[in-house]
C-alpha cells in the first residue's frame, strides 16, 4: 500500500452544498493544497482544497466525542 493510500479522508461522496466563506493563514492554505494533491494522487480524481474542507470538517466533528455526546439519541441534530 502506498503512503498516499493512508490518508484519513477517503473518496469524496456527492452531496448538496451551501456556500460559506472563511479566512485562514497562508500556511494552512498551502497545507490544504498539498493534501488535495495527495488525495487526487491516491484516489485518481482531481480535487481542490475548497472541495476537501467540508469533508475534513465533517470527519473531524464525527470523531469528536464531546460533540457526539451533545447529539440527540435519534441522530438528528438539534435546530440552531
PDB file of N, CA and C in Angstrom:
ATOM      1  N   UNK A   1       0.852  -1.173   0.000  1.00  0.00           N
ATOM      2  CA  UNK A   1       0.000   0.000   0.000  1.00  0.00           C
ATOM      3  C   UNK A   1       0.894   1.232   0.000  1.00  0.00           C
ATOM      4  N   UNK A   2       0.602   2.178  -0.867  1.00  0.00           N
ATOM      5  CA  UNK A   2       1.419   3.385  -0.934  1.00  0.00           C
ATOM      6  C   UNK A   2       1.088   4.316   0.223  1.00  0.00           C
ATOM      7  N   UNK A   3       1.991   5.239   0.489  1.00  0.00           N
ATOM      8  CA  UNK A   3       1.798   6.194   1.583  1.00  0.00           C
ATOM      9  C   UNK A   3       0.548   7.037   1.364  1.00  0.00           C
ATOM     10  N   UNK A   4       0.229   7.343   0.109  1.00  0.00           N
ATOM     11  CA  UNK A   4      -0.935   8.182  -0.147  1.00  0.00           C
ATOM     12  C   UNK A   4      -2.245   7.453   0.127  1.00  0.00           C
ATOM     13  N   UNK A   5      -2.259   6.149   0.123  1.00  0.00           N
ATOM     14  CA  UNK A   5      -3.479   5.396   0.440  1.00  0.00           C
ATOM     15  C   UNK A   5      -3.792   5.425   1.933  1.00  0.00           C
ATOM     16  N   UNK A   6      -2.893   5.976   2.744  1.00  0.00           N
ATOM     17  CA  UNK A   6      -3.115   6.033   4.179  1.00  0.00           C
ATOM     18  C   UNK A   6      -3.768   7.342   4.609  1.00  0.00           C
ATOM     19  N   UNK A   7      -4.268   8.136   3.668  1.00  0.00           N
ATOM     20  CA  UNK A   7      -4.924   9.386   4.021  1.00  0.00           C
ATOM     21  C   UNK A   7      -6.173   9.096   4.836  1.00  0.00           C
ATOM     22  N   UNK A   8      -6.410   9.909   5.836  1.00  0.00           N
ATOM     23  CA  UNK A   8      -7.561   9.714   6.705  1.00  0.00           C
ATOM     24  C   UNK A   8      -8.873   9.981   5.966  1.00  0.00           C
ATOM     25  N   UNK A   9      -8.843  10.925   5.036  1.00  0.00           N
ATOM     26  CA  UNK A   9     -10.032  11.269   4.272  1.00  0.00           C
ATOM     27  C   UNK A   9     -10.098  10.395   3.027  1.00  0.00           C
ATOM     28  N   UNK A  10     -11.142   9.596   2.921  1.00  0.00           N
ATOM     29  CA  UNK A  10     -11.280   8.684   1.789  1.00  0.00           C
ATOM     30  C   UNK A  10     -11.890   9.369   0.578  1.00  0.00           C
ATOM     31  N   UNK A  11     -12.387   8.585  -0.374  1.00  0.00           N
ATOM     32  CA  UNK A  11     -13.033   9.157  -1.556  1.00  0.00           C
ATOM     33  C   UNK A  11     -14.214  10.037  -1.140  1.00  0.00           C
ATOM     34  N   UNK A  12     -14.463  11.086  -1.888  1.00  0.00           N
ATOM     35  CA  UNK A  12     -15.496  12.052  -1.519  1.00  0.00           C
ATOM     36  C   UNK A  12     -16.859  11.670  -2.081  1.00  0.00           C
ATOM     37  N   UNK A  13     -17.897  11.719  -1.228  1.00  0.00           N
ATOM     38  CA  UNK A  13     -19.248  11.457  -1.715  1.00  0.00           C
ATOM     39  C   UNK A  13     -19.808  12.696  -2.412  1.00  0.00           C
ATOM     40  N   UNK A  14     -20.812  12.503  -3.241  1.00  0.00           N
ATOM     41  CA  UNK A  14     -21.500  13.629  -3.873  1.00  0.00           C
ATOM     42  C   UNK A  14     -22.574  14.105  -2.898  1.00  0.00           C
ATOM     43  N   UNK A  15     -22.567  15.390  -2.564  1.00  0.00           N
ATOM     44  CA  UNK A  15     -23.531  15.922  -1.606  1.00  0.00           C
ATOM     45  C   UNK A  15     -24.047  17.283  -2.052  1.00  0.00           C
ATOM     46  N   UNK A  16     -25.185  17.687  -1.482  1.00  0.00           N
ATOM     47  CA  UNK A  16     -25.716  19.026  -1.705  1.00  0.00           C
ATOM     48  C   UNK A  16     -24.910  19.987  -0.839  1.00  0.00           C
ATOM     49  N   UNK A  17     -24.646  21.194  -1.316  1.00  0.00           N
ATOM     50  CA  UNK A  17     -23.801  22.117  -0.568  1.00  0.00           C
ATOM     51  C   UNK A  17     -24.451  23.471  -0.331  1.00  0.00           C
ATOM     52  N   UNK A  18     -23.913  24.154   0.674  1.00  0.00           N
ATOM     53  CA  UNK A  18     -24.240  25.532   0.995  1.00  0.00           C
ATOM     54  C   UNK A  18     -22.918  26.270   1.014  1.00  0.00           C
ATOM     55  N   UNK A  19     -22.857  27.440   0.393  1.00  0.00           N
ATOM     56  CA  UNK A  19     -21.590  28.169   0.293  1.00  0.00           C
ATOM     57  C   UNK A  19     -21.295  28.932   1.581  1.00  0.00           C
ATOM     58  N   UNK A  20     -20.070  28.760   2.089  1.00  0.00           N
ATOM     59  CA  UNK A  20     -19.540  29.510   3.224  1.00  0.00           C
ATOM     60  C   UNK A  20     -18.212  30.109   2.798  1.00  0.00           C
ATOM     61  N   UNK A  21     -17.848  31.218   3.413  1.00  0.00           N
ATOM     62  CA  UNK A  21     -16.560  31.845   3.141  1.00  0.00           C
ATOM     63  C   UNK A  21     -15.823  31.999   4.461  1.00  0.00           C
ATOM     64  N   UNK A  22     -14.526  31.694   4.469  1.00  0.00           N
ATOM     65  CA  UNK A  22     -13.732  31.882   5.676  1.00  0.00           C
ATOM     66  C   UNK A  22     -12.315  32.265   5.305  1.00  0.00           C
ATOM     67  N   UNK A  23     -11.605  32.839   6.265  1.00  0.00           N
ATOM     68  CA  UNK A  23     -10.204  33.221   6.066  1.00  0.00           C
ATOM     69  C   UNK A  23      -9.334  32.272   6.876  1.00  0.00           C
ATOM     70  N   UNK A  24      -8.150  31.960   6.351  1.00  0.00           N
ATOM     71  CA  UNK A  24      -7.210  31.096   7.064  1.00  0.00           C
ATOM     72  C   UNK A  24      -5.793  31.584   6.787  1.00  0.00           C
ATOM     73  N   UNK A  25      -4.852  31.181   7.623  1.00  0.00           N
ATOM     74  CA  UNK A  25      -3.460  31.558   7.373  1.00  0.00           C
ATOM     75  C   UNK A  25      -2.961  30.962   6.054  1.00  0.00           C
ATOM     76  N   UNK A  26      -2.027  31.659   5.426  1.00  0.00           N
ATOM     77  CA  UNK A  26      -1.456  31.190   4.160  1.00  0.00           C
ATOM     78  C   UNK A  26      -0.825  29.814   4.319  1.00  0.00           C
ATOM     79  N   UNK A  27      -0.242  29.547   5.478  1.00  0.00           N
ATOM     80  CA  UNK A  27       0.389  28.242   5.700  1.00  0.00           C
ATOM     81  C   UNK A  27      -0.651  27.116   5.706  1.00  0.00           C
ATOM     82  N   UNK A  28      -1.833  27.388   6.257  1.00  0.00           N
ATOM     83  CA  UNK A  28      -2.900  26.383   6.241  1.00  0.00           C
ATOM     84  C   UNK A  28      -3.387  26.154   4.814  1.00  0.00           C
ATOM     85  N   UNK A  29      -3.533  27.210   4.041  1.00  0.00           N
ATOM     86  CA  UNK A  29      -3.950  27.068   2.637  1.00  0.00           C
ATOM     87  C   UNK A  29      -2.941  26.229   1.864  1.00  0.00           C
ATOM     88  N   UNK A  30      -1.656  26.454   2.113  1.00  0.00           N
ATOM     89  CA  UNK A  30      -0.618  25.661   1.441  1.00  0.00           C
ATOM     90  C   UNK A  30      -0.734  24.190   1.830  1.00  0.00           C
ATOM     91  N   UNK A  31      -0.983  23.917   3.117  1.00  0.00           N
ATOM     92  CA  UNK A  31      -1.148  22.533   3.574  1.00  0.00           C
ATOM     93  C   UNK A  31      -2.391  21.897   2.956  1.00  0.00           C
ATOM     94  N   UNK A  32      -3.476  22.654   2.862  1.00  0.00           N
ATOM     95  CA  UNK A  32      -4.698  22.138   2.242  1.00  0.00           C
ATOM     96  C   UNK A  32      -4.473  21.812   0.767  1.00  0.00           C
ATOM     97  N   UNK A  33      -3.746  22.674   0.075  1.00  0.00           N
ATOM     98  CA  UNK A  33      -3.436  22.414  -1.337  1.00  0.00           C
ATOM     99  C   UNK A  33      -2.574  21.164  -1.485  1.00  0.00           C
ATOM    100  N   UNK A  34      -1.628  20.993  -0.574  1.00  0.00           N
ATOM    101  CA  UNK A  34      -0.761  19.809  -0.610  1.00  0.00           C
ATOM    102  C   UNK A  34      -1.582  18.549  -0.332  1.00  0.00           C
ATOM    103  N   UNK A  35      -2.488  18.631   0.641  1.00  0.00           N
ATOM    104  CA  UNK A  35      -3.351  17.494   0.955  1.00  0.00           C
ATOM    105  C   UNK A  35      -4.231  17.159  -0.250  1.00  0.00           C
ATOM    106  N   UNK A  36      -4.765  18.187  -0.907  1.00  0.00           N
ATOM    107  CA  UNK A  36      -5.612  17.967  -2.087  1.00  0.00           C
ATOM    108  C   UNK A  36      -4.836  17.246  -3.181  1.00  0.00           C
ATOM    109  N   UNK A  37      -3.583  17.614  -3.370  1.00  0.00           N
ATOM    110  CA  UNK A  37      -2.755  16.946  -4.384  1.00  0.00           C
ATOM    111  C   UNK A  37      -2.529  15.484  -4.019  1.00  0.00           C
ATOM    112  N   UNK A  38      -2.261  15.208  -2.745  1.00  0.00           N
ATOM    113  CA  UNK A  38      -2.075  13.823  -2.298  1.00  0.00           C
ATOM    114  C   UNK A  38      -3.368  13.024  -2.446  1.00  0.00           C
ATOM    115  N   UNK A  39      -4.491  13.654  -2.119  1.00  0.00           N
ATOM    116  CA  UNK A  39      -5.791  12.996  -2.232  1.00  0.00           C
ATOM    117  C   UNK A  39      -6.071  12.643  -3.692  1.00  0.00           C
ATOM    118  N   UNK A  40      -5.799  13.574  -4.595  1.00  0.00           N
ATOM    119  CA  UNK A  40      -6.003  13.318  -6.024  1.00  0.00           C
ATOM    120  C   UNK A  40      -5.124  12.173  -6.506  1.00  0.00           C
ATOM    121  N   UNK A  41      -3.905  12.136  -6.030  1.00  0.00           N
ATOM    122  CA  UNK A  41      -2.980  11.059  -6.404  1.00  0.00           C
ATOM    123  C   UNK A  41      -3.474   9.717  -5.862  1.00  0.00           C
ATOM    124  N   UNK A  42      -3.977   9.709  -4.640  1.00  0.00           N
ATOM    125  CA  UNK A  42      -4.414   8.467  -4.006  1.00  0.00           C
ATOM    126  C   UNK A  42      -5.692   7.911  -4.623  1.00  0.00           C
ATOM    127  N   UNK A  43      -6.625   8.800  -5.011  1.00  0.00           N
ATOM    128  CA  UNK A  43      -7.937   8.340  -5.455  1.00  0.00           C
ATOM    129  C   UNK A  43      -8.214   8.592  -6.930  1.00  0.00           C
ATOM    130  N   UNK A  44      -7.238   9.162  -7.653  1.00  0.00           N
ATOM    131  CA  UNK A  44      -7.367   9.307  -9.093  1.00  0.00           C
ATOM    132  C   UNK A  44      -8.403  10.302  -9.567  1.00  0.00           C
ATOM    133  N   UNK A  45      -8.798  11.223  -8.714  1.00  0.00           N
ATOM    134  CA  UNK A  45      -9.778  12.238  -9.095  1.00  0.00           C
ATOM    135  C   UNK A  45      -9.276  13.594  -8.620  1.00  0.00           C
ATOM    136  N   UNK A  46      -9.132  14.531  -9.552  1.00  0.00           N
ATOM    137  CA  UNK A  46      -8.654  15.865  -9.189  1.00  0.00           C
ATOM    138  C   UNK A  46      -9.642  16.527  -8.235  1.00  0.00           C
ATOM    139  N   UNK A  47      -9.115  17.117  -7.185  1.00  0.00           N
ATOM    140  CA  UNK A  47      -9.940  17.793  -6.189  1.00  0.00           C
ATOM    141  C   UNK A  47      -9.144  18.975  -5.650  1.00  0.00           C
ATOM    142  N   UNK A  48      -9.852  20.064  -5.321  1.00  0.00           N
ATOM    143  CA  UNK A  48      -9.151  21.217  -4.764  1.00  0.00           C
ATOM    144  C   UNK A  48      -9.445  21.336  -3.269  1.00  0.00           C
ATOM    145  N   UNK A  49      -8.732  22.233  -2.618  1.00  0.00           N
ATOM    146  CA  UNK A  49      -8.866  22.402  -1.169  1.00  0.00           C
ATOM    147  C   UNK A  49     -10.291  22.789  -0.780  1.00  0.00           C
ATOM    148  N   UNK A  50     -10.931  23.634  -1.572  1.00  0.00           N
ATOM    149  CA  UNK A  50     -12.291  24.069  -1.244  1.00  0.00           C
ATOM    150  C   UNK A  50     -13.271  22.893  -1.230  1.00  0.00           C
ATOM    151  N   UNK A  51     -13.042  21.913  -2.045  1.00  0.00           N
ATOM    152  CA  UNK A  51     -13.890  20.724  -2.066  1.00  0.00           C
ATOM    153  C   UNK A  51     -13.609  19.833  -0.864  1.00  0.00           C
ATOM    154  N   UNK A  52     -12.359  19.776  -0.444  1.00  0.00           N
ATOM    155  CA  UNK A  52     -11.975  18.917   0.675  1.00  0.00           C
ATOM    156  C   UNK A  52     -12.407  19.453   2.035  1.00  0.00           C
ATOM    157  N   UNK A  53     -12.393  20.760   2.210  1.00  0.00           N
ATOM    158  CA  UNK A  53     -12.622  21.355   3.533  1.00  0.00           C
ATOM    159  C   UNK A  53     -13.902  20.858   4.201  1.00  0.00           C
ATOM    160  N   UNK A  54     -15.071  20.861   3.541  1.00  0.00           N
ATOM    161  CA  UNK A  54     -16.274  20.386   4.228  1.00  0.00           C
ATOM    162  C   UNK A  54     -16.164  18.929   4.687  1.00  0.00           C
ATOM    163  N   UNK A  55     -15.538  18.093   3.882  1.00  0.00           N
ATOM    164  CA  UNK A  55     -15.401  16.679   4.237  1.00  0.00           C
ATOM    165  C   UNK A  55     -14.426  16.510   5.405  1.00  0.00           C
ATOM    166  N   UNK A  56     -13.390  17.335   5.435  1.00  0.00           N
ATOM    167  CA  UNK A  56     -12.433  17.286   6.539  1.00  0.00           C
ATOM    168  C   UNK A  56     -13.111  17.733   7.839  1.00  0.00           C
ATOM    169  N   UNK A  57     -13.903  18.789   7.768  1.00  0.00           N
ATOM    170  CA  UNK A  57     -14.610  19.265   8.960  1.00  0.00           C
ATOM    171  C   UNK A  57     -15.626  18.233   9.442  1.00  0.00           C
ATOM    172  N   UNK A  58     -16.331  17.621   8.509  1.00  0.00           N
ATOM    173  CA  UNK A  58     -17.306  16.587   8.870  1.00  0.00           C
ATOM    174  C   UNK A  58     -16.615  15.406   9.558  1.00  0.00           C
ATOM    175  N   UNK A  59     -15.484  14.978   9.018  1.00  0.00           N
ATOM    176  CA  UNK A  59     -14.733  13.872   9.619  1.00  0.00           C
ATOM    177  C   UNK A  59     -14.213  14.261  11.001  1.00  0.00           C
ATOM    178  N   UNK A  60     -13.758  15.500  11.139  1.00  0.00           N
ATOM    179  CA  UNK A  60     -13.270  15.978  12.429  1.00  0.00           C
ATOM    180  C   UNK A  60     -14.388  15.943  13.470  1.00  0.00           C
ATOM    181  N   UNK A  61     -15.561  16.476  13.117  1.00  0.00           N
ATOM    182  CA  UNK A  61     -16.672  16.510  14.072  1.00  0.00           C
ATOM    183  C   UNK A  61     -17.190  15.109  14.384  1.00  0.00           C
ATOM    184  N   UNK A  62     -17.176  14.216  13.407  1.00  0.00           N
ATOM    185  CA  UNK A  62     -17.628  12.840  13.638  1.00  0.00           C
ATOM    186  C   UNK A  62     -16.725  12.121  14.633  1.00  0.00           C
ATOM    187  N   UNK A  63     -15.469  12.524  14.704  1.00  0.00           N
ATOM    188  CA  UNK A  63     -14.535  11.897  15.629  1.00  0.00           C
ATOM    189  C   UNK A  63     -14.425  12.592  16.974  1.00  0.00           C
ATOM    190  N   UNK A  64     -15.161  13.682  17.167  1.00  0.00           N
ATOM    191  CA  UNK A  64     -15.098  14.449  18.413  1.00  0.00           C
ATOM    192  C   UNK A  64     -16.121  13.891  19.405  1.00  0.00           C
ATOM    193  N   UNK A  65     -15.651  13.173  20.397  1.00  0.00           N
ATOM    194  CA  UNK A  65     -16.555  12.521  21.355  1.00  0.00           C
ATOM    195  C   UNK A  65     -17.415  13.519  22.115  1.00  0.00           C
ATOM    196  N   UNK A  66     -16.835  14.649  22.500  1.00  0.00           N
ATOM    197  CA  UNK A  66     -17.598  15.671  23.214  1.00  0.00           C
ATOM    198  C   UNK A  66     -18.750  16.202  22.375  1.00  0.00           C
ATOM    199  N   UNK A  67     -18.494  16.428  21.106  1.00  0.00           N
ATOM    200  CA  UNK A  67     -19.536  16.904  20.201  1.00  0.00           C
ATOM    201  C   UNK A  67     -20.595  15.826  20.007  1.00  0.00           C
ATOM    202  N   UNK A  68     -20.179  14.588  19.835  1.00  0.00           N
ATOM    203  CA  UNK A  68     -21.124  13.490  19.613  1.00  0.00           C
ATOM    204  C   UNK A  68     -22.061  13.313  20.805  1.00  0.00           C
ATOM    205  N   UNK A  69     -21.553  13.565  22.020  1.00  0.00           N
ATOM    206  CA  UNK A  69     -22.396  13.425  23.215  1.00  0.00           C
ATOM    207  C   UNK A  69     -23.521  14.453  23.240  1.00  0.00           C
ATOM    208  N   UNK A  70     -23.361  15.561  22.524  1.00  0.00           N
ATOM    209  CA  UNK A  70     -24.402  16.593  22.521  1.00  0.00           C
ATOM    210  C   UNK A  70     -25.512  16.306  21.521  1.00  0.00           C
ATOM    211  N   UNK A  71     -25.338  15.296  20.667  1.00  0.00           N
ATOM    212  CA  UNK A  71     -26.360  14.971  19.674  1.00  0.00           C
ATOM    213  C   UNK A  71     -27.458  14.129  20.311  1.00  0.00           C
ATOM    214  N   UNK A  72     -28.703  14.379  19.917  1.00  0.00           N
ATOM    215  CA  UNK A  72     -29.809  13.570  20.433  1.00  0.00           C
ATOM    216  C   UNK A  72     -29.656  12.099  20.038  1.00  0.00           C
ATOM    217  N   UNK A  73     -30.289  11.232  20.777  1.00  0.00           N
ATOM    218  CA  UNK A  73     -30.204   9.783  20.542  1.00  0.00           C
ATOM    219  C   UNK A  73     -30.732   9.370  19.170  1.00  0.00           C
ATOM    220  N   UNK A  74     -31.683  10.130  18.605  1.00  0.00           N
ATOM    221  CA  UNK A  74     -32.256   9.762  17.307  1.00  0.00           C
ATOM    222  C   UNK A  74     -31.339  10.108  16.141  1.00  0.00           C
ATOM    223  N   UNK A  75     -30.197  10.736  16.430  1.00  0.00           N
ATOM    224  CA  UNK A  75     -29.222  11.033  15.394  1.00  0.00           C
ATOM    225  C   UNK A  75     -29.467  12.323  14.642  1.00  0.00           C
ATOM    226  N   UNK A  76     -30.611  12.964  14.894  1.00  0.00           N
ATOM    227  CA  UNK A  76     -30.913  14.223  14.218  1.00  0.00           C
ATOM    228  C   UNK A  76     -30.326  15.374  15.026  1.00  0.00           C
ATOM    229  N   UNK A  77     -29.682  16.287  14.337  1.00  0.00           N
ATOM    230  CA  UNK A  77     -29.093  17.446  15.008  1.00  0.00           C
ATOM    231  C   UNK A  77     -30.204  18.362  15.502  1.00  0.00           C
ATOM    232  N   UNK A  78     -29.988  18.955  16.666  1.00  0.00           N
ATOM    233  CA  UNK A  78     -30.949  19.904  17.211  1.00  0.00           C
ATOM    234  C   UNK A  78     -30.917  21.179  16.374  1.00  0.00           C
ATOM    235  N   UNK A  79     -32.059  21.852  16.203  1.00  0.00           N
ATOM    236  CA  UNK A  79     -32.061  23.088  15.419  1.00  0.00           C
ATOM    237  C   UNK A  79     -31.198  24.154  16.086  1.00  0.00           C
ATOM    238  N   UNK A  80     -30.580  24.989  15.264  1.00  0.00           N
ATOM    239  CA  UNK A  80     -29.697  26.040  15.797  1.00  0.00           C
ATOM    240  C   UNK A  80     -30.479  27.240  16.255  1.00  0.00           C
TER     241      UNK A  80
END
